């Protein structure tokens, strides 16, 4: 027998012997116990932690440190003769680095 014949035989068998089973509230109980509530709590907790981290980052001078580092890198590039870089590549590199940093921060939450 081929696979097609087996599939047809199985479909025929199950269509002829189909039985309805009384639910008796089983589906409602299963849906009630699904982890939707805990997922919602985890999202609220993650949002709270991200807000606290953001406040601490700003309060402890993270913005100034980040801006200072970017400024020092740019000044270092200019001092070392890499002025031949076009602004588009610098912008693209900055956007990629920011994207990677936000992905890393989000994965830690």
C-alpha atoms as a PDB file:
ATOM      1  CA  UNK A   1       0.000   0.000   0.000  1.00  0.00           C
ATOM      2  CA  UNK A   2       1.115   3.491  -0.671  1.00  0.00           C
ATOM      3  CA  UNK A   3       1.001   6.470   1.637  1.00  0.00           C
ATOM      4  CA  UNK A   4      -1.931   7.958  -0.294  1.00  0.00           C
ATOM      5  CA  UNK A   5      -3.954   4.770   0.230  1.00  0.00           C
ATOM      6  CA  UNK A   6      -3.149   4.794   3.962  1.00  0.00           C
ATOM      7  CA  UNK A   7      -4.172   8.438   4.291  1.00  0.00           C
ATOM      8  CA  UNK A   8      -7.469   7.777   2.523  1.00  0.00           C
ATOM      9  CA  UNK A   9      -8.174   4.727   4.680  1.00  0.00           C
ATOM     10  CA  UNK A  10      -7.454   6.697   7.838  1.00  0.00           C
ATOM     11  CA  UNK A  11      -9.676   9.611   6.772  1.00  0.00           C
ATOM     12  CA  UNK A  12     -12.507   7.240   5.911  1.00  0.00           C
ATOM     13  CA  UNK A  13     -12.168   5.354   9.192  1.00  0.00           C
ATOM     14  CA  UNK A  14     -12.163   8.483  11.350  1.00  0.00           C
ATOM     15  CA  UNK A  15     -15.023  10.118   9.469  1.00  0.00           C
ATOM     16  CA  UNK A  16     -17.214   7.011   9.950  1.00  0.00           C
ATOM     17  CA  UNK A  17     -16.300   6.524  13.630  1.00  0.00           C
ATOM     18  CA  UNK A  18     -16.471  10.128  14.763  1.00  0.00           C
ATOM     19  CA  UNK A  19     -17.956  10.556  18.252  1.00  0.00           C
ATOM     20  CA  UNK A  20     -18.998  13.729  20.021  1.00  0.00           C
ATOM     21  CA  UNK A  21     -17.952  13.908  23.653  1.00  0.00           C
ATOM     22  CA  UNK A  22     -19.862  16.082  26.119  1.00  0.00           C
ATOM     23  CA  UNK A  23     -17.837  19.097  27.187  1.00  0.00           C
ATOM     24  CA  UNK A  24     -19.390  19.638  30.647  1.00  0.00           C
ATOM     25  CA  UNK A  25     -17.506  22.924  31.092  1.00  0.00           C
ATOM     26  CA  UNK A  26     -14.086  21.377  30.430  1.00  0.00           C
ATOM     27  CA  UNK A  27     -13.102  23.931  27.775  1.00  0.00           C
ATOM     28  CA  UNK A  28     -14.072  26.833  30.040  1.00  0.00           C
ATOM     29  CA  UNK A  29     -11.968  25.421  32.902  1.00  0.00           C
ATOM     30  CA  UNK A  30      -8.976  24.884  30.634  1.00  0.00           C
ATOM     31  CA  UNK A  31      -9.212  28.430  29.255  1.00  0.00           C
ATOM     32  CA  UNK A  32      -9.522  29.746  32.810  1.00  0.00           C
ATOM     33  CA  UNK A  33      -6.276  28.018  33.843  1.00  0.00           C
ATOM     34  CA  UNK A  34      -4.179  29.118  30.877  1.00  0.00           C
ATOM     35  CA  UNK A  35      -1.241  31.368  31.807  1.00  0.00           C
ATOM     36  CA  UNK A  36      -2.763  34.581  30.435  1.00  0.00           C
ATOM     37  CA  UNK A  37      -2.871  36.146  33.883  1.00  0.00           C
ATOM     38  CA  UNK A  38       0.746  35.359  34.641  1.00  0.00           C
ATOM     39  CA  UNK A  39       1.795  36.666  31.224  1.00  0.00           C
ATOM     40  CA  UNK A  40      -0.037  39.905  31.944  1.00  0.00           C
ATOM     41  CA  UNK A  41       1.666  40.130  35.339  1.00  0.00           C
ATOM     42  CA  UNK A  42       5.052  39.468  33.710  1.00  0.00           C
ATOM     43  CA  UNK A  43       4.443  42.278  31.209  1.00  0.00           C
ATOM     44  CA  UNK A  44       3.462  44.698  33.966  1.00  0.00           C
ATOM     45  CA  UNK A  45       6.523  43.683  35.969  1.00  0.00           C
ATOM     46  CA  UNK A  46       8.795  44.101  32.921  1.00  0.00           C
ATOM     47  CA  UNK A  47       7.355  47.556  32.191  1.00  0.00           C
ATOM     48  CA  UNK A  48       7.871  48.571  35.823  1.00  0.00           C
ATOM     49  CA  UNK A  49      11.484  47.361  35.818  1.00  0.00           C
ATOM     50  CA  UNK A  50      12.199  49.118  32.501  1.00  0.00           C
ATOM     51  CA  UNK A  51      10.762  52.361  33.934  1.00  0.00           C
ATOM     52  CA  UNK A  52      12.935  52.041  37.055  1.00  0.00           C
ATOM     53  CA  UNK A  53      16.020  51.286  34.956  1.00  0.00           C
ATOM     54  CA  UNK A  54      15.317  54.274  32.709  1.00  0.00           C
ATOM     55  CA  UNK A  55      14.900  56.608  35.679  1.00  0.00           C
ATOM     56  CA  UNK A  56      18.102  55.314  37.266  1.00  0.00           C
ATOM     57  CA  UNK A  57      19.963  55.603  33.964  1.00  0.00           C
ATOM     58  CA  UNK A  58      18.987  59.264  33.608  1.00  0.00           C
ATOM     59  CA  UNK A  59      19.363  60.069  37.311  1.00  0.00           C
ATOM     60  CA  UNK A  60      22.847  58.531  37.616  1.00  0.00           C
ATOM     61  CA  UNK A  61      24.170  60.334  34.542  1.00  0.00           C
ATOM     62  CA  UNK A  62      23.913  57.627  31.921  1.00  0.00           C
ATOM     63  CA  UNK A  63      22.824  60.059  29.222  1.00  0.00           C
ATOM     64  CA  UNK A  64      25.788  62.329  29.855  1.00  0.00           C
ATOM     65  CA  UNK A  65      28.186  59.357  29.891  1.00  0.00           C
ATOM     66  CA  UNK A  66      26.741  57.990  26.660  1.00  0.00           C
ATOM     67  CA  UNK A  67      26.853  61.375  24.956  1.00  0.00           C
ATOM     68  CA  UNK A  68      30.423  61.928  26.203  1.00  0.00           C
ATOM     69  CA  UNK A  69      31.522  58.569  24.847  1.00  0.00           C
ATOM     70  CA  UNK A  70      29.956  59.238  21.450  1.00  0.00           C
ATOM     71  CA  UNK A  71      31.544  62.692  21.368  1.00  0.00           C
ATOM     72  CA  UNK A  72      34.984  61.285  22.332  1.00  0.00           C
ATOM     73  CA  UNK A  73      34.767  58.614  19.638  1.00  0.00           C
ATOM     74  CA  UNK A  74      33.790  61.174  17.014  1.00  0.00           C
ATOM     75  CA  UNK A  75      36.577  63.558  18.074  1.00  0.00           C
ATOM     76  CA  UNK A  76      39.026  60.649  18.058  1.00  0.00           C
ATOM     77  CA  UNK A  77      37.967  59.766  14.536  1.00  0.00           C
ATOM     78  CA  UNK A  78      38.494  63.340  13.408  1.00  0.00           C
ATOM     79  CA  UNK A  79      41.901  63.582  15.119  1.00  0.00           C
ATOM     80  CA  UNK A  80      43.171  60.375  13.557  1.00  0.00           C
ATOM     81  CA  UNK A  81      42.494  61.437  10.009  1.00  0.00           C
ATOM     82  CA  UNK A  82      39.404  59.415   9.280  1.00  0.00           C
ATOM     83  CA  UNK A  83      37.632  62.447   7.900  1.00  0.00           C
ATOM     84  CA  UNK A  84      37.348  60.630   4.595  1.00  0.00           C
ATOM     85  CA  UNK A  85      34.361  58.708   5.985  1.00  0.00           C
ATOM     86  CA  UNK A  86      31.130  59.904   4.517  1.00  0.00           C
ATOM     87  CA  UNK A  87      28.382  60.987   6.926  1.00  0.00           C
ATOM     88  CA  UNK A  88      25.989  58.312   5.617  1.00  0.00           C
ATOM     89  CA  UNK A  89      28.201  55.474   6.840  1.00  0.00           C
ATOM     90  CA  UNK A  90      28.595  57.126  10.247  1.00  0.00           C
ATOM     91  CA  UNK A  91      24.809  57.524  10.543  1.00  0.00           C
ATOM     92  CA  UNK A  92      24.204  53.924   9.455  1.00  0.00           C
ATOM     93  CA  UNK A  93      26.788  52.628  11.948  1.00  0.00           C
ATOM     94  CA  UNK A  94      25.202  54.703  14.728  1.00  0.00           C
ATOM     95  CA  UNK A  95      21.702  53.447  13.937  1.00  0.00           C
ATOM     96  CA  UNK A  96      22.902  49.836  13.846  1.00  0.00           C
ATOM     97  CA  UNK A  97      24.703  50.214  17.179  1.00  0.00           C
ATOM     98  CA  UNK A  98      21.644  51.814  18.792  1.00  0.00           C
ATOM     99  CA  UNK A  99      19.427  49.021  17.424  1.00  0.00           C
ATOM    100  CA  UNK A 100      21.778  46.343  18.755  1.00  0.00           C
ATOM    101  CA  UNK A 101      21.978  48.046  22.152  1.00  0.00           C
ATOM    102  CA  UNK A 102      18.191  48.281  22.485  1.00  0.00           C
ATOM    103  CA  UNK A 103      17.825  44.611  21.493  1.00  0.00           C
ATOM    104  CA  UNK A 104      20.380  43.637  24.126  1.00  0.00           C
ATOM    105  CA  UNK A 105      18.650  45.708  26.804  1.00  0.00           C
ATOM    106  CA  UNK A 106      15.242  44.297  25.836  1.00  0.00           C
ATOM    107  CA  UNK A 107      16.542  40.716  25.933  1.00  0.00           C
ATOM    108  CA  UNK A 108      17.787  41.230  29.482  1.00  0.00           C
ATOM    109  CA  UNK A 109      14.299  42.226  30.692  1.00  0.00           C
END
